[in-house]
Amino acid sequence: MSKIKDLKVDQKLHLFFDNDWHFVTVDEVDYQQEIAKVEFEDGDWTMIDDEDEFRALITDSEVDNANKPPLFLNGMRNK
């Protein structure tokens, strides 16, 4: 899992928010307070901190792979 201190403006993230995974872009980062403002694809935004579950997406292939469901979910294999 990523940390706020490692984020950069315009970085793409995969954020678990409102019981689902979303693609967001880092809009602002406050390194002292360790919070970041992120923007959803539809233009909405929210503030996140290290308590939120998110991971940085580094390459386009990681973005593509993030769209695929995990092979295992809660210890059960998806079919």
N, C-alpha and C. Protein backbone atom coordinates (compact mmCIF):
# COMPACT_ATOMS: atom_id res chain seq x y z
N MET A 1 0.84 -1.18 0.00
CA MET A 1 0.00 0.00 0.00
C MET A 1 0.89 1.24 0.00
N SER A 2 0.47 2.23 -0.72
CA SER A 2 1.23 3.47 -0.82
C SER A 2 1.02 4.35 0.40
N LYS A 3 1.89 5.32 0.55
CA LYS A 3 1.80 6.30 1.64
C LYS A 3 1.73 7.70 1.04
N ILE A 4 1.08 8.61 1.77
CA ILE A 4 0.93 9.98 1.31
C ILE A 4 2.28 10.62 1.02
N LYS A 5 3.27 10.38 1.87
CA LYS A 5 4.58 11.02 1.71
C LYS A 5 5.26 10.64 0.40
N ASP A 6 4.81 9.55 -0.23
CA ASP A 6 5.41 9.10 -1.48
C ASP A 6 4.68 9.61 -2.72
N LEU A 7 3.56 10.30 -2.54
CA LEU A 7 2.74 10.73 -3.67
C LEU A 7 3.27 12.00 -4.31
N LYS A 8 2.95 12.14 -5.60
CA LYS A 8 3.30 13.34 -6.35
C LYS A 8 2.04 13.84 -7.08
N VAL A 9 1.96 15.14 -7.30
CA VAL A 9 0.84 15.73 -8.04
C VAL A 9 0.77 15.10 -9.43
N ASP A 10 -0.44 14.84 -9.90
CA ASP A 10 -0.75 14.23 -11.20
C ASP A 10 -0.49 12.73 -11.24
N GLN A 11 -0.11 12.13 -10.11
CA GLN A 11 0.10 10.69 -10.07
C GLN A 11 -1.26 9.98 -10.09
N LYS A 12 -1.31 8.85 -10.78
CA LYS A 12 -2.54 8.04 -10.84
C LYS A 12 -2.55 7.05 -9.67
N LEU A 13 -3.72 6.91 -9.06
CA LEU A 13 -3.89 5.96 -7.96
C LEU A 13 -5.09 5.08 -8.20
N HIS A 14 -5.09 3.94 -7.56
CA HIS A 14 -6.25 3.07 -7.47
C HIS A 14 -6.68 3.16 -6.01
N LEU A 15 -7.84 3.75 -5.76
CA LEU A 15 -8.30 4.08 -4.41
C LEU A 15 -9.53 3.26 -4.06
N PHE A 16 -9.52 2.63 -2.87
CA PHE A 16 -10.71 1.95 -2.36
C PHE A 16 -11.53 2.99 -1.61
N PHE A 17 -12.68 3.33 -2.18
CA PHE A 17 -13.51 4.42 -1.64
C PHE A 17 -14.96 4.05 -1.83
N ASP A 18 -15.75 4.20 -0.78
CA ASP A 18 -17.19 3.94 -0.86
C ASP A 18 -17.46 2.51 -1.34
N ASN A 19 -16.73 1.55 -0.76
CA ASN A 19 -16.89 0.12 -1.01
C ASN A 19 -16.59 -0.31 -2.44
N ASP A 20 -15.74 0.44 -3.15
CA ASP A 20 -15.36 0.05 -4.51
C ASP A 20 -14.01 0.66 -4.85
N TRP A 21 -13.35 0.11 -5.86
CA TRP A 21 -12.06 0.65 -6.32
C TRP A 21 -12.32 1.68 -7.40
N HIS A 22 -11.59 2.80 -7.34
CA HIS A 22 -11.73 3.90 -8.30
C HIS A 22 -10.36 4.35 -8.76
N PHE A 23 -10.29 4.84 -10.01
CA PHE A 23 -9.09 5.49 -10.49
C PHE A 23 -9.18 6.96 -10.12
N VAL A 24 -8.13 7.49 -9.51
CA VAL A 24 -8.08 8.90 -9.13
C VAL A 24 -6.72 9.47 -9.53
N THR A 25 -6.67 10.79 -9.59
CA THR A 25 -5.42 11.50 -9.88
C THR A 25 -5.13 12.42 -8.70
N VAL A 26 -3.89 12.41 -8.25
CA VAL A 26 -3.49 13.28 -7.13
C VAL A 26 -3.52 14.73 -7.62
N ASP A 27 -4.28 15.58 -6.90
CA ASP A 27 -4.43 16.98 -7.26
C ASP A 27 -3.51 17.86 -6.41
N GLU A 28 -3.46 17.59 -5.10
CA GLU A 28 -2.62 18.35 -4.18
C GLU A 28 -2.12 17.39 -3.09
N VAL A 29 -0.94 17.67 -2.54
CA VAL A 29 -0.41 16.88 -1.44
C VAL A 29 0.09 17.83 -0.36
N ASP A 30 -0.35 17.59 0.88
CA ASP A 30 0.16 18.33 2.05
C ASP A 30 1.04 17.35 2.81
N TYR A 31 2.35 17.45 2.61
CA TYR A 31 3.27 16.49 3.20
C TYR A 31 3.37 16.63 4.71
N GLN A 32 3.18 17.84 5.24
CA GLN A 32 3.26 18.03 6.68
C GLN A 32 2.08 17.38 7.40
N GLN A 33 0.88 17.56 6.85
CA GLN A 33 -0.30 16.96 7.48
C GLN A 33 -0.57 15.55 6.98
N GLU A 34 0.20 15.12 5.97
CA GLU A 34 0.07 13.80 5.36
C GLU A 34 -1.35 13.53 4.89
N ILE A 35 -1.86 14.48 4.09
CA ILE A 35 -3.15 14.31 3.43
C ILE A 35 -2.99 14.70 1.96
N ALA A 36 -3.87 14.19 1.13
CA ALA A 36 -3.83 14.52 -0.29
C ALA A 36 -5.25 14.70 -0.81
N LYS A 37 -5.39 15.62 -1.74
CA LYS A 37 -6.66 15.81 -2.44
C LYS A 37 -6.54 15.04 -3.75
N VAL A 38 -7.50 14.15 -4.00
CA VAL A 38 -7.49 13.36 -5.23
C VAL A 38 -8.78 13.61 -5.99
N GLU A 39 -8.67 13.53 -7.31
CA GLU A 39 -9.81 13.78 -8.19
C GLU A 39 -10.22 12.49 -8.89
N PHE A 40 -11.53 12.22 -8.88
CA PHE A 40 -12.07 11.06 -9.57
C PHE A 40 -12.19 11.37 -11.06
N GLU A 41 -12.40 10.34 -11.87
CA GLU A 41 -12.51 10.52 -13.32
C GLU A 41 -13.69 11.41 -13.70
N ASP A 42 -14.73 11.47 -12.86
CA ASP A 42 -15.91 12.28 -13.18
C ASP A 42 -15.79 13.72 -12.68
N GLY A 43 -14.64 14.07 -12.10
CA GLY A 43 -14.42 15.44 -11.65
C GLY A 43 -14.66 15.65 -10.17
N ASP A 44 -15.34 14.71 -9.50
CA ASP A 44 -15.50 14.81 -8.04
C ASP A 44 -14.14 14.64 -7.38
N TRP A 45 -14.02 15.05 -6.12
CA TRP A 45 -12.76 14.91 -5.42
C TRP A 45 -13.01 14.55 -3.96
N THR A 46 -11.97 14.08 -3.30
CA THR A 46 -12.01 13.78 -1.88
C THR A 46 -10.60 13.93 -1.32
N MET A 47 -10.52 14.01 0.00
CA MET A 47 -9.23 14.05 0.69
C MET A 47 -8.93 12.65 1.21
N ILE A 48 -7.68 12.23 1.11
CA ILE A 48 -7.27 10.93 1.62
C ILE A 48 -6.07 11.10 2.54
N ASP A 49 -5.88 10.10 3.42
CA ASP A 49 -4.70 10.06 4.27
C ASP A 49 -4.19 8.63 4.32
N ASP A 50 -3.22 8.36 5.17
CA ASP A 50 -2.62 7.02 5.20
C ASP A 50 -3.57 5.96 5.74
N GLU A 51 -4.71 6.35 6.31
CA GLU A 51 -5.70 5.38 6.76
C GLU A 51 -6.50 4.81 5.59
N ASP A 52 -6.52 5.53 4.47
CA ASP A 52 -7.26 5.07 3.30
C ASP A 52 -6.46 4.01 2.57
N GLU A 53 -7.16 3.12 1.90
CA GLU A 53 -6.50 2.05 1.15
C GLU A 53 -6.35 2.49 -0.30
N PHE A 54 -5.11 2.68 -0.72
CA PHE A 54 -4.85 3.08 -2.10
C PHE A 54 -3.48 2.56 -2.51
N ARG A 55 -3.29 2.45 -3.80
CA ARG A 55 -1.97 2.09 -4.29
C ARG A 55 -1.67 2.89 -5.55
N ALA A 56 -0.42 3.27 -5.65
CA ALA A 56 0.02 4.05 -6.80
C ALA A 56 0.11 3.15 -8.02
N LEU A 57 -0.28 3.69 -9.15
CA LEU A 57 -0.15 2.99 -10.42
C LEU A 57 0.97 3.66 -11.19
N ILE A 58 1.99 2.88 -11.51
CA ILE A 58 3.21 3.44 -12.09
C ILE A 58 3.16 3.42 -13.61
N THR A 59 2.68 2.32 -14.17
CA THR A 59 2.71 2.17 -15.63
C THR A 59 1.31 1.97 -16.18
N ASP A 60 1.16 2.12 -17.50
CA ASP A 60 -0.13 1.87 -18.14
C ASP A 60 -0.59 0.43 -17.94
N SER A 61 0.36 -0.52 -17.93
CA SER A 61 -0.03 -1.92 -17.75
C SER A 61 -0.60 -2.14 -16.36
N GLU A 62 -0.09 -1.41 -15.37
CA GLU A 62 -0.66 -1.53 -14.03
C GLU A 62 -2.09 -0.99 -14.01
N VAL A 63 -2.36 0.07 -14.76
CA VAL A 63 -3.71 0.60 -14.85
C VAL A 63 -4.61 -0.45 -15.51
N ASP A 64 -4.12 -1.07 -16.60
CA ASP A 64 -4.90 -2.11 -17.28
C ASP A 64 -5.16 -3.29 -16.35
N ASN A 65 -4.15 -3.73 -15.62
CA ASN A 65 -4.30 -4.86 -14.71
C ASN A 65 -5.23 -4.53 -13.55
N ALA A 66 -5.28 -3.28 -13.14
CA ALA A 66 -6.15 -2.89 -12.04
C ALA A 66 -7.62 -3.02 -12.42
N ASN A 67 -7.90 -3.00 -13.73
CA ASN A 67 -9.28 -3.18 -14.18
C ASN A 67 -9.75 -4.62 -14.09
N LYS A 68 -8.80 -5.55 -13.99
CA LYS A 68 -9.14 -6.96 -13.93
C LYS A 68 -9.43 -7.37 -12.49
N PRO A 69 -10.41 -8.23 -12.28
CA PRO A 69 -10.68 -8.67 -10.90
C PRO A 69 -9.53 -9.51 -10.38
N PRO A 70 -9.32 -9.49 -9.07
CA PRO A 70 -8.24 -10.31 -8.51
C PRO A 70 -8.56 -11.79 -8.68
N LEU A 71 -7.50 -12.57 -8.76
CA LEU A 71 -7.67 -14.01 -8.92
C LEU A 71 -8.30 -14.61 -7.67
N PHE A 72 -7.93 -14.10 -6.51
CA PHE A 72 -8.49 -14.58 -5.26
C PHE A 72 -9.13 -13.42 -4.53
N LEU A 73 -10.28 -13.65 -3.98
CA LEU A 73 -11.00 -12.62 -3.23
C LEU A 73 -11.49 -13.26 -1.94
N ASN A 74 -11.02 -12.75 -0.82
CA ASN A 74 -11.40 -13.30 0.49
C ASN A 74 -11.10 -14.79 0.60
N GLY A 75 -9.97 -15.21 0.00
CA GLY A 75 -9.57 -16.60 0.11
C GLY A 75 -10.30 -17.53 -0.83
N MET A 76 -11.26 -17.02 -1.59
CA MET A 76 -12.01 -17.86 -2.53
C MET A 76 -11.56 -17.52 -3.94
N ARG A 77 -11.44 -18.52 -4.77
CA ARG A 77 -11.05 -18.28 -6.16
C ARG A 77 -12.26 -17.77 -6.93
N ASN A 78 -12.09 -16.67 -7.67
CA ASN A 78 -13.18 -16.15 -8.51
C ASN A 78 -13.37 -17.05 -9.71
N LYS A 79 -14.61 -17.27 -10.09
CA LYS A 79 -14.90 -18.12 -11.27
C LYS A 79 -15.62 -17.31 -12.31
